[in-house]
Structure formats: C-alpha cells, structure tokens
Amino acid sequence: MFTQDDAEAIAKKLHCTPDERKGHKYYELFVHGRLVTSFGVRRASKEKGHGHLPHALHITQKQCRDLSNCPLSEDEYLQILRDKNQL
C-alpha cells in the first residue's frame, strides 16, 4: 500500500503544483500548461490509504512504487504517459 510519504515523494519528483481544496491537500501535474492528472493526499493516513495513486497517475502498482522509490524517473514516467496517449 502507498503511504502519505509515497504520495508526497511522487508529487515532489513530478514537480506537481499543490492545491488546497476544502482543507484537503491535492497535487496537480501540468505539462506544457495542460493538466495531466491530479491526486489527493489523505492527512489521516500516515501509514496507508493511498491505493488510488496508480490509477490517478495512469500507471501500474509497480511503476508507482518505482516512481516513489526512484528507479523510475520523471522523464520515464512522462514517456509512459506518451505511450498510453495520456500526454
């Protein structure tokens, strides 16, 4: 399961824009001025509760784990989205 720290690490790696909505933290990924995806970070879930990340980022569980833990770079992530016609 993905943690709050994983979500924050991914947001930082992808240079996401923070957006506070009604007291909740969201991150938005813009590429060339276009919103590609957004995802929320649940405050009360320090240890678990971010299983939505792979779906929100349009990648597999493994790719999401790799994005969080560094084997998958930002450029590689964006290429995955291009290959899926998401970008």
PDB file of N, CA and C in Angstrom:
ATOM      1  N   MET A   1       0.849  -1.178   0.000  1.00  0.00           N
ATOM      2  CA  MET A   1       0.000   0.000   0.000  1.00  0.00           C
ATOM      3  C   MET A   1       0.894   1.240   0.000  1.00  0.00           C
ATOM      4  N   PHE A   2       0.416   2.275  -0.590  1.00  0.00           N
ATOM      5  CA  PHE A   2       1.166   3.516  -0.670  1.00  0.00           C
ATOM      6  C   PHE A   2       0.822   4.420   0.511  1.00  0.00           C
ATOM      7  N   THR A   3       1.840   5.061   1.049  1.00  0.00           N
ATOM      8  CA  THR A   3       1.667   5.908   2.220  1.00  0.00           C
ATOM      9  C   THR A   3       1.608   7.387   1.820  1.00  0.00           C
ATOM     10  N   GLN A   4       1.347   8.197   2.815  1.00  0.00           N
ATOM     11  CA  GLN A   4       1.363   9.641   2.625  1.00  0.00           C
ATOM     12  C   GLN A   4       2.754  10.088   2.163  1.00  0.00           C
ATOM     13  N   ASP A   5       3.790   9.499   2.716  1.00  0.00           N
ATOM     14  CA  ASP A   5       5.153   9.850   2.311  1.00  0.00           C
ATOM     15  C   ASP A   5       5.403   9.506   0.851  1.00  0.00           C
ATOM     16  N   ASP A   6       4.859   8.366   0.379  1.00  0.00           N
ATOM     17  CA  ASP A   6       4.987   7.998  -1.038  1.00  0.00           C
ATOM     18  C   ASP A   6       4.316   9.053  -1.916  1.00  0.00           C
ATOM     19  N   ALA A   7       3.118   9.464  -1.547  1.00  0.00           N
ATOM     20  CA  ALA A   7       2.385  10.467  -2.318  1.00  0.00           C
ATOM     21  C   ALA A   7       3.164  11.782  -2.374  1.00  0.00           C
ATOM     22  N   GLU A   8       3.714  12.188  -1.247  1.00  0.00           N
ATOM     23  CA  GLU A   8       4.499  13.431  -1.206  1.00  0.00           C
ATOM     24  C   GLU A   8       5.772  13.311  -2.047  1.00  0.00           C
ATOM     25  N   ALA A   9       6.437  12.164  -1.997  1.00  0.00           N
ATOM     26  CA  ALA A   9       7.660  11.948  -2.778  1.00  0.00           C
ATOM     27  C   ALA A   9       7.363  12.010  -4.276  1.00  0.00           C
ATOM     28  N   ILE A  10       6.265  11.409  -4.679  1.00  0.00           N
ATOM     29  CA  ILE A  10       5.881  11.435  -6.094  1.00  0.00           C
ATOM     30  C   ILE A  10       5.554  12.859  -6.524  1.00  0.00           C
ATOM     31  N   ALA A  11       4.809  13.576  -5.715  1.00  0.00           N
ATOM     32  CA  ALA A  11       4.458  14.966  -6.036  1.00  0.00           C
ATOM     33  C   ALA A  11       5.714  15.812  -6.202  1.00  0.00           C
ATOM     34  N   LYS A  12       6.673  15.608  -5.326  1.00  0.00           N
ATOM     35  CA  LYS A  12       7.927  16.368  -5.408  1.00  0.00           C
ATOM     36  C   LYS A  12       8.705  15.994  -6.663  1.00  0.00           C
ATOM     37  N   LYS A  13       8.833  14.700  -6.936  1.00  0.00           N
ATOM     38  CA  LYS A  13       9.591  14.231  -8.095  1.00  0.00           C
ATOM     39  C   LYS A  13       9.002  14.761  -9.398  1.00  0.00           C
ATOM     40  N   LEU A  14       7.663  14.804  -9.472  1.00  0.00           N
ATOM     41  CA  LEU A  14       6.992  15.232 -10.699  1.00  0.00           C
ATOM     42  C   LEU A  14       6.774  16.742 -10.766  1.00  0.00           C
ATOM     43  N   HIS A  15       7.257  17.462  -9.752  1.00  0.00           N
ATOM     44  CA  HIS A  15       7.106  18.920  -9.687  1.00  0.00           C
ATOM     45  C   HIS A  15       5.633  19.321  -9.796  1.00  0.00           C
ATOM     46  N   CYS A  16       4.793  18.628  -9.051  1.00  0.00           N
ATOM     47  CA  CYS A  16       3.359  18.910  -9.052  1.00  0.00           C
ATOM     48  C   CYS A  16       3.064  20.224  -8.330  1.00  0.00           C
ATOM     49  N   THR A  17       1.980  20.826  -8.719  1.00  0.00           N
ATOM     50  CA  THR A  17       1.527  22.064  -8.115  1.00  0.00           C
ATOM     51  C   THR A  17       0.584  21.729  -6.968  1.00  0.00           C
ATOM     52  N   PRO A  18       0.866  22.218  -5.751  1.00  0.00           N
ATOM     53  CA  PRO A  18      -0.057  21.944  -4.635  1.00  0.00           C
ATOM     54  C   PRO A  18      -1.337  22.756  -4.779  1.00  0.00           C
ATOM     55  N   ASP A  19      -2.440  22.166  -4.330  1.00  0.00           N
ATOM     56  CA  ASP A  19      -3.739  22.821  -4.387  1.00  0.00           C
ATOM     57  C   ASP A  19      -4.525  22.399  -3.157  1.00  0.00           C
ATOM     58  N   GLU A  20      -4.840  23.348  -2.302  1.00  0.00           N
ATOM     59  CA  GLU A  20      -5.627  23.059  -1.095  1.00  0.00           C
ATOM     60  C   GLU A  20      -7.100  23.224  -1.439  1.00  0.00           C
ATOM     61  N   ARG A  21      -7.872  22.161  -1.243  1.00  0.00           N
ATOM     62  CA  ARG A  21      -9.308  22.198  -1.517  1.00  0.00           C
ATOM     63  C   ARG A  21     -10.064  21.790  -0.262  1.00  0.00           C
ATOM     64  N   LYS A  22     -10.813  22.712   0.269  1.00  0.00           N
ATOM     65  CA  LYS A  22     -11.642  22.427   1.441  1.00  0.00           C
ATOM     66  C   LYS A  22     -10.864  21.704   2.534  1.00  0.00           C
ATOM     67  N   GLY A  23      -9.662  22.157   2.788  1.00  0.00           N
ATOM     68  CA  GLY A  23      -8.862  21.589   3.868  1.00  0.00           C
ATOM     69  C   GLY A  23      -8.126  20.317   3.514  1.00  0.00           C
ATOM     70  N   HIS A  24      -8.211  19.872   2.273  1.00  0.00           N
ATOM     71  CA  HIS A  24      -7.510  18.667   1.842  1.00  0.00           C
ATOM     72  C   HIS A  24      -6.398  19.049   0.883  1.00  0.00           C
ATOM     73  N   LYS A  25      -5.332  18.279   0.901  1.00  0.00           N
ATOM     74  CA  LYS A  25      -4.193  18.572   0.037  1.00  0.00           C
ATOM     75  C   LYS A  25      -4.303  17.773  -1.259  1.00  0.00           C
ATOM     76  N   TYR A  26      -4.222  18.468  -2.369  1.00  0.00           N
ATOM     77  CA  TYR A  26      -4.211  17.861  -3.693  1.00  0.00           C
ATOM     78  C   TYR A  26      -2.970  18.334  -4.424  1.00  0.00           C
ATOM     79  N   TYR A  27      -2.533  17.529  -5.352  1.00  0.00           N
ATOM     80  CA  TYR A  27      -1.429  17.923  -6.224  1.00  0.00           C
ATOM     81  C   TYR A  27      -1.899  17.780  -7.660  1.00  0.00           C
ATOM     82  N   GLU A  28      -1.479  18.722  -8.486  1.00  0.00           N
ATOM     83  CA  GLU A  28      -1.829  18.706  -9.899  1.00  0.00           C
ATOM     84  C   GLU A  28      -0.552  18.688 -10.723  1.00  0.00           C
ATOM     85  N   LEU A  29      -0.562  17.846 -11.758  1.00  0.00           N
ATOM     86  CA  LEU A  29       0.580  17.760 -12.667  1.00  0.00           C
ATOM     87  C   LEU A  29       0.197  18.432 -13.975  1.00  0.00           C
ATOM     88  N   PHE A  30       0.913  19.492 -14.302  1.00  0.00           N
ATOM     89  CA  PHE A  30       0.712  20.199 -15.559  1.00  0.00           C
ATOM     90  C   PHE A  30       1.925  19.942 -16.452  1.00  0.00           C
ATOM     91  N   VAL A  31       1.671  19.658 -17.714  1.00  0.00           N
ATOM     92  CA  VAL A  31       2.731  19.507 -18.703  1.00  0.00           C
ATOM     93  C   VAL A  31       2.370  20.404 -19.877  1.00  0.00           C
ATOM     94  N   HIS A  32       3.247  21.332 -20.202  1.00  0.00           N
ATOM     95  CA  HIS A  32       3.017  22.321 -21.256  1.00  0.00           C
ATOM     96  C   HIS A  32       1.706  23.073 -21.017  1.00  0.00           C
ATOM     97  N   GLY A  33       1.451  23.414 -19.756  1.00  0.00           N
ATOM     98  CA  GLY A  33       0.279  24.191 -19.398  1.00  0.00           C
ATOM     99  C   GLY A  33      -1.029  23.417 -19.364  1.00  0.00           C
ATOM    100  N   ARG A  34      -0.965  22.121 -19.588  1.00  0.00           N
ATOM    101  CA  ARG A  34      -2.173  21.279 -19.615  1.00  0.00           C
ATOM    102  C   ARG A  34      -2.198  20.371 -18.391  1.00  0.00           C
ATOM    103  N   LEU A  35      -3.346  20.321 -17.722  1.00  0.00           N
ATOM    104  CA  LEU A  35      -3.494  19.438 -16.571  1.00  0.00           C
ATOM    105  C   LEU A  35      -3.500  17.993 -17.055  1.00  0.00           C
ATOM    106  N   VAL A  36      -2.554  17.211 -16.545  1.00  0.00           N
ATOM    107  CA  VAL A  36      -2.429  15.811 -16.935  1.00  0.00           C
ATOM    108  C   VAL A  36      -3.135  14.920 -15.926  1.00  0.00           C
ATOM    109  N   THR A  37      -2.940  15.199 -14.648  1.00  0.00           N
ATOM    110  CA  THR A  37      -3.584  14.425 -13.595  1.00  0.00           C
ATOM    111  C   THR A  37      -3.555  15.201 -12.291  1.00  0.00           C
ATOM    112  N   SER A  38      -4.356  14.742 -11.350  1.00  0.00           N
ATOM    113  CA  SER A  38      -4.315  15.297 -10.003  1.00  0.00           C
ATOM    114  C   SER A  38      -4.600  14.161  -9.034  1.00  0.00           C
ATOM    115  N   PHE A  39      -4.096  14.317  -7.821  1.00  0.00           N
ATOM    116  CA  PHE A  39      -4.341  13.299  -6.796  1.00  0.00           C
ATOM    117  C   PHE A  39      -4.321  13.950  -5.427  1.00  0.00           C
ATOM    118  N   GLY A  40      -5.072  13.334  -4.522  1.00  0.00           N
ATOM    119  CA  GLY A  40      -5.170  13.838  -3.169  1.00  0.00           C
ATOM    120  C   GLY A  40      -4.233  13.117  -2.229  1.00  0.00           C
ATOM    121  N   VAL A  41      -3.859  13.819  -1.159  1.00  0.00           N
ATOM    122  CA  VAL A  41      -3.036  13.245  -0.100  1.00  0.00           C
ATOM    123  C   VAL A  41      -3.884  13.273   1.161  1.00  0.00           C
ATOM    124  N   ARG A  42      -4.178  12.107   1.660  1.00  0.00           N
ATOM    125  CA  ARG A  42      -5.020  12.000   2.847  1.00  0.00           C
ATOM    126  C   ARG A  42      -4.194  12.257   4.100  1.00  0.00           C
ATOM    127  N   ARG A  43      -4.608  13.207   4.875  1.00  0.00           N
ATOM    128  CA  ARG A  43      -3.845  13.619   6.056  1.00  0.00           C
ATOM    129  C   ARG A  43      -3.859  12.578   7.167  1.00  0.00           C
ATOM    130  N   ALA A  44      -4.968  11.907   7.349  1.00  0.00           N
ATOM    131  CA  ALA A  44      -5.115  10.973   8.469  1.00  0.00           C
ATOM    132  C   ALA A  44      -4.590   9.583   8.127  1.00  0.00           C
ATOM    133  N   SER A  45      -3.808   9.477   7.068  1.00  0.00           N
ATOM    134  CA  SER A  45      -3.378   8.153   6.630  1.00  0.00           C
ATOM    135  C   SER A  45      -1.865   8.085   6.491  1.00  0.00           C
ATOM    136  N   LYS A  46      -1.175   8.363   7.559  1.00  0.00           N
ATOM    137  CA  LYS A  46       0.286   8.376   7.533  1.00  0.00           C
ATOM    138  C   LYS A  46       0.849   7.039   7.048  1.00  0.00           C
ATOM    139  N   GLU A  47       0.219   5.944   7.425  1.00  0.00           N
ATOM    140  CA  GLU A  47       0.757   4.623   7.105  1.00  0.00           C
ATOM    141  C   GLU A  47       0.137   3.963   5.889  1.00  0.00           C
ATOM    142  N   LYS A  48      -1.128   4.214   5.585  1.00  0.00           N
ATOM    143  CA  LYS A  48      -1.745   3.597   4.416  1.00  0.00           C
ATOM    144  C   LYS A  48      -2.931   4.402   3.957  1.00  0.00           C
ATOM    145  N   GLY A  49      -3.507   3.980   2.853  1.00  0.00           N
ATOM    146  CA  GLY A  49      -4.679   4.669   2.369  1.00  0.00           C
ATOM    147  C   GLY A  49      -4.487   5.436   1.080  1.00  0.00           C
ATOM    148  N   HIS A  50      -3.393   5.220   0.377  1.00  0.00           N
ATOM    149  CA  HIS A  50      -3.148   5.926  -0.871  1.00  0.00           C
ATOM    150  C   HIS A  50      -3.110   4.950  -2.054  1.00  0.00           C
ATOM    151  N   GLY A  51      -3.970   3.956  -2.008  1.00  0.00           N
ATOM    152  CA  GLY A  51      -4.059   2.979  -3.079  1.00  0.00           C
ATOM    153  C   GLY A  51      -4.572   3.568  -4.382  1.00  0.00           C
ATOM    154  N   HIS A  52      -5.092   4.790  -4.324  1.00  0.00           N
ATOM    155  CA  HIS A  52      -5.602   5.470  -5.511  1.00  0.00           C
ATOM    156  C   HIS A  52      -4.494   6.020  -6.412  1.00  0.00           C
ATOM    157  N   LEU A  53      -3.280   6.084  -5.923  1.00  0.00           N
ATOM    158  CA  LEU A  53      -2.196   6.719  -6.677  1.00  0.00           C
ATOM    159  C   LEU A  53      -1.946   6.097  -8.055  1.00  0.00           C
ATOM    160  N   PRO A  54      -1.796   4.772  -8.174  1.00  0.00           N
ATOM    161  CA  PRO A  54      -1.531   4.220  -9.511  1.00  0.00           C
ATOM    162  C   PRO A  54      -2.620   4.591 -10.520  1.00  0.00           C
ATOM    163  N   HIS A  55      -3.860   4.490 -10.108  1.00  0.00           N
ATOM    164  CA  HIS A  55      -4.963   4.815 -11.007  1.00  0.00           C
ATOM    165  C   HIS A  55      -4.914   6.307 -11.381  1.00  0.00           C
ATOM    166  N   ALA A  56      -4.732   7.164 -10.409  1.00  0.00           N
ATOM    167  CA  ALA A  56      -4.697   8.611 -10.662  1.00  0.00           C
ATOM    168  C   ALA A  56      -3.534   9.000 -11.565  1.00  0.00           C
ATOM    169  N   LEU A  57      -2.418   8.275 -11.446  1.00  0.00           N
ATOM    170  CA  LEU A  57      -1.224   8.586 -12.239  1.00  0.00           C
ATOM    171  C   LEU A  57      -1.180   7.824 -13.556  1.00  0.00           C
ATOM    172  N   HIS A  58      -2.174   6.960 -13.800  1.00  0.00           N
ATOM    173  CA  HIS A  58      -2.283   6.198 -15.054  1.00  0.00           C
ATOM    174  C   HIS A  58      -1.129   5.221 -15.243  1.00  0.00           C
ATOM    175  N   ILE A  59      -0.698   4.602 -14.136  1.00  0.00           N
ATOM    176  CA  ILE A  59       0.407   3.640 -14.197  1.00  0.00           C
ATOM    177  C   ILE A  59       0.068   2.423 -13.335  1.00  0.00           C
ATOM    178  N   THR A  60       0.905   1.398 -13.431  1.00  0.00           N
ATOM    179  CA  THR A  60       0.705   0.184 -12.654  1.00  0.00           C
ATOM    180  C   THR A  60       1.177   0.380 -11.216  1.00  0.00           C
ATOM    181  N   GLN A  61       0.829  -0.569 -10.358  1.00  0.00           N
ATOM    182  CA  GLN A  61       1.293  -0.550  -8.969  1.00  0.00           C
ATOM    183  C   GLN A  61       2.823  -0.532  -8.916  1.00  0.00           C
ATOM    184  N   LYS A  62       3.454  -1.398  -9.720  1.00  0.00           N
ATOM    185  CA  LYS A  62       4.920  -1.474  -9.720  1.00  0.00           C
ATOM    186  C   LYS A  62       5.540  -0.164 -10.197  1.00  0.00           C
ATOM    187  N   GLN A  63       4.997   0.400 -11.267  1.00  0.00           N
ATOM    188  CA  GLN A  63       5.521   1.666 -11.771  1.00  0.00           C
ATOM    189  C   GLN A  63       5.360   2.773 -10.733  1.00  0.00           C
ATOM    190  N   CYS A  64       4.259   2.761 -10.026  1.00  0.00           N
ATOM    191  CA  CYS A  64       4.029   3.754  -8.980  1.00  0.00           C
ATOM    192  C   CYS A  64       5.042   3.591  -7.852  1.00  0.00           C
ATOM    193  N   ARG A  65       5.295   2.347  -7.452  1.00  0.00           N
ATOM    194  CA  ARG A  65       6.297   2.077  -6.406  1.00  0.00           C
ATOM    195  C   ARG A  65       7.668   2.553  -6.888  1.00  0.00           C
ATOM    196  N   ASP A  66       8.001   2.248  -8.145  1.00  0.00           N
ATOM    197  CA  ASP A  66       9.288   2.674  -8.696  1.00  0.00           C
ATOM    198  C   ASP A  66       9.389   4.197  -8.788  1.00  0.00           C
ATOM    199  N   LEU A  67       8.283   4.852  -9.086  1.00  0.00           N
ATOM    200  CA  LEU A  67       8.275   6.318  -9.140  1.00  0.00           C
ATOM    201  C   LEU A  67       8.536   6.900  -7.754  1.00  0.00           C
ATOM    202  N   SER A  68       7.951   6.295  -6.752  1.00  0.00           N
ATOM    203  CA  SER A  68       8.138   6.756  -5.378  1.00  0.00           C
ATOM    204  C   SER A  68       9.551   6.482  -4.868  1.00  0.00           C
ATOM    205  N   ASN A  69      10.101   5.328  -5.225  1.00  0.00           N
ATOM    206  CA  ASN A  69      11.400   4.895  -4.685  1.00  0.00           C
ATOM    207  C   ASN A  69      12.591   5.197  -5.583  1.00  0.00           C
ATOM    208  N   CYS A  70      12.394   5.934  -6.652  1.00  0.00           N
ATOM    209  CA  CYS A  70      13.454   6.460  -7.510  1.00  0.00           C
ATOM    210  C   CYS A  70      13.883   5.651  -8.727  1.00  0.00           C
ATOM    211  N   PRO A  71      13.646   4.355  -8.876  1.00  0.00           N
ATOM    212  CA  PRO A  71      14.090   3.722 -10.118  1.00  0.00           C
ATOM    213  C   PRO A  71      13.432   4.306 -11.371  1.00  0.00           C
ATOM    214  N   LEU A  72      12.210   4.827 -11.254  1.00  0.00           N
ATOM    215  CA  LEU A  72      11.501   5.414 -12.382  1.00  0.00           C
ATOM    216  C   LEU A  72      11.632   6.935 -12.301  1.00  0.00           C
ATOM    217  N   SER A  73      12.211   7.519 -13.334  1.00  0.00           N
ATOM    218  CA  SER A  73      12.432   8.970 -13.329  1.00  0.00           C
ATOM    219  C   SER A  73      11.190   9.709 -13.838  1.00  0.00           C
ATOM    220  N   GLU A  74      11.217  11.009 -13.688  1.00  0.00           N
ATOM    221  CA  GLU A  74      10.127  11.841 -14.197  1.00  0.00           C
ATOM    222  C   GLU A  74      10.023  11.693 -15.712  1.00  0.00           C
ATOM    223  N   ASP A  75      11.146  11.724 -16.405  1.00  0.00           N
ATOM    224  CA  ASP A  75      11.141  11.583 -17.865  1.00  0.00           C
ATOM    225  C   ASP A  75      10.583  10.231 -18.293  1.00  0.00           C
ATOM    226  N   GLU A  76      10.943   9.174 -17.576  1.00  0.00           N
ATOM    227  CA  GLU A  76      10.422   7.846 -17.895  1.00  0.00           C
ATOM    228  C   GLU A  76       8.918   7.781 -17.646  1.00  0.00           C
ATOM    229  N   TYR A  77       8.465   8.400 -16.577  1.00  0.00           N
ATOM    230  CA  TYR A  77       7.029   8.453 -16.282  1.00  0.00           C
ATOM    231  C   TYR A  77       6.287   9.168 -17.410  1.00  0.00           C
ATOM    232  N   LEU A  78       6.803  10.311 -17.824  1.00  0.00           N
ATOM    233  CA  LEU A  78       6.150  11.062 -18.897  1.00  0.00           C
ATOM    234  C   LEU A  78       6.140  10.266 -20.196  1.00  0.00           C
ATOM    235  N   GLN A  79       7.175   9.473 -20.444  1.00  0.00           N
ATOM    236  CA  GLN A  79       7.200   8.633 -21.638  1.00  0.00           C
ATOM    237  C   GLN A  79       6.125   7.544 -21.557  1.00  0.00           C
ATOM    238  N   ILE A  80       5.908   6.994 -20.380  1.00  0.00           N
ATOM    239  CA  ILE A  80       4.828   6.012 -20.195  1.00  0.00           C
ATOM    240  C   ILE A  80       3.491   6.651 -20.559  1.00  0.00           C
ATOM    241  N   LEU A  81       3.277   7.874 -20.109  1.00  0.00           N
ATOM    242  CA  LEU A  81       2.026   8.562 -20.430  1.00  0.00           C
ATOM    243  C   LEU A  81       1.907   8.822 -21.927  1.00  0.00           C
ATOM    244  N   ARG A  82       3.023   9.180 -22.576  1.00  0.00           N
ATOM    245  CA  ARG A  82       3.005   9.388 -24.032  1.00  0.00           C
ATOM    246  C   ARG A  82       2.650   8.086 -24.744  1.00  0.00           C
ATOM    247  N   ASP A  83       3.243   6.981 -24.294  1.00  0.00           N
ATOM    248  CA  ASP A  83       2.978   5.692 -24.909  1.00  0.00           C
ATOM    249  C   ASP A  83       1.514   5.277 -24.773  1.00  0.00           C
ATOM    250  N   LYS A  84       0.850   5.747 -23.725  1.00  0.00           N
ATOM    251  CA  LYS A  84      -0.565   5.438 -23.486  1.00  0.00           C
ATOM    252  C   LYS A  84      -1.494   6.527 -24.058  1.00  0.00           C
ATOM    253  N   ASN A  85      -0.917   7.472 -24.780  1.00  0.00           N
ATOM    254  CA  ASN A  85      -1.673   8.613 -25.327  1.00  0.00           C
ATOM    255  C   ASN A  85      -2.389   9.393 -24.225  1.00  0.00           C
ATOM    256  N   GLN A  86      -1.781   9.454 -23.038  1.00  0.00           N
ATOM    257  CA  GLN A  86      -2.302  10.251 -21.935  1.00  0.00           C
ATOM    258  C   GLN A  86      -1.675  11.631 -21.900  1.00  0.00           C
ATOM    259  N   LEU A  87      -0.694  11.832 -22.743  1.00  0.00           N
ATOM    260  CA  LEU A  87       0.050  13.098 -22.745  1.00  0.00           C
ATOM    261  C   LEU A  87       0.191  13.601 -24.161  1.00  0.00           C
TER     262      LEU A  87
END
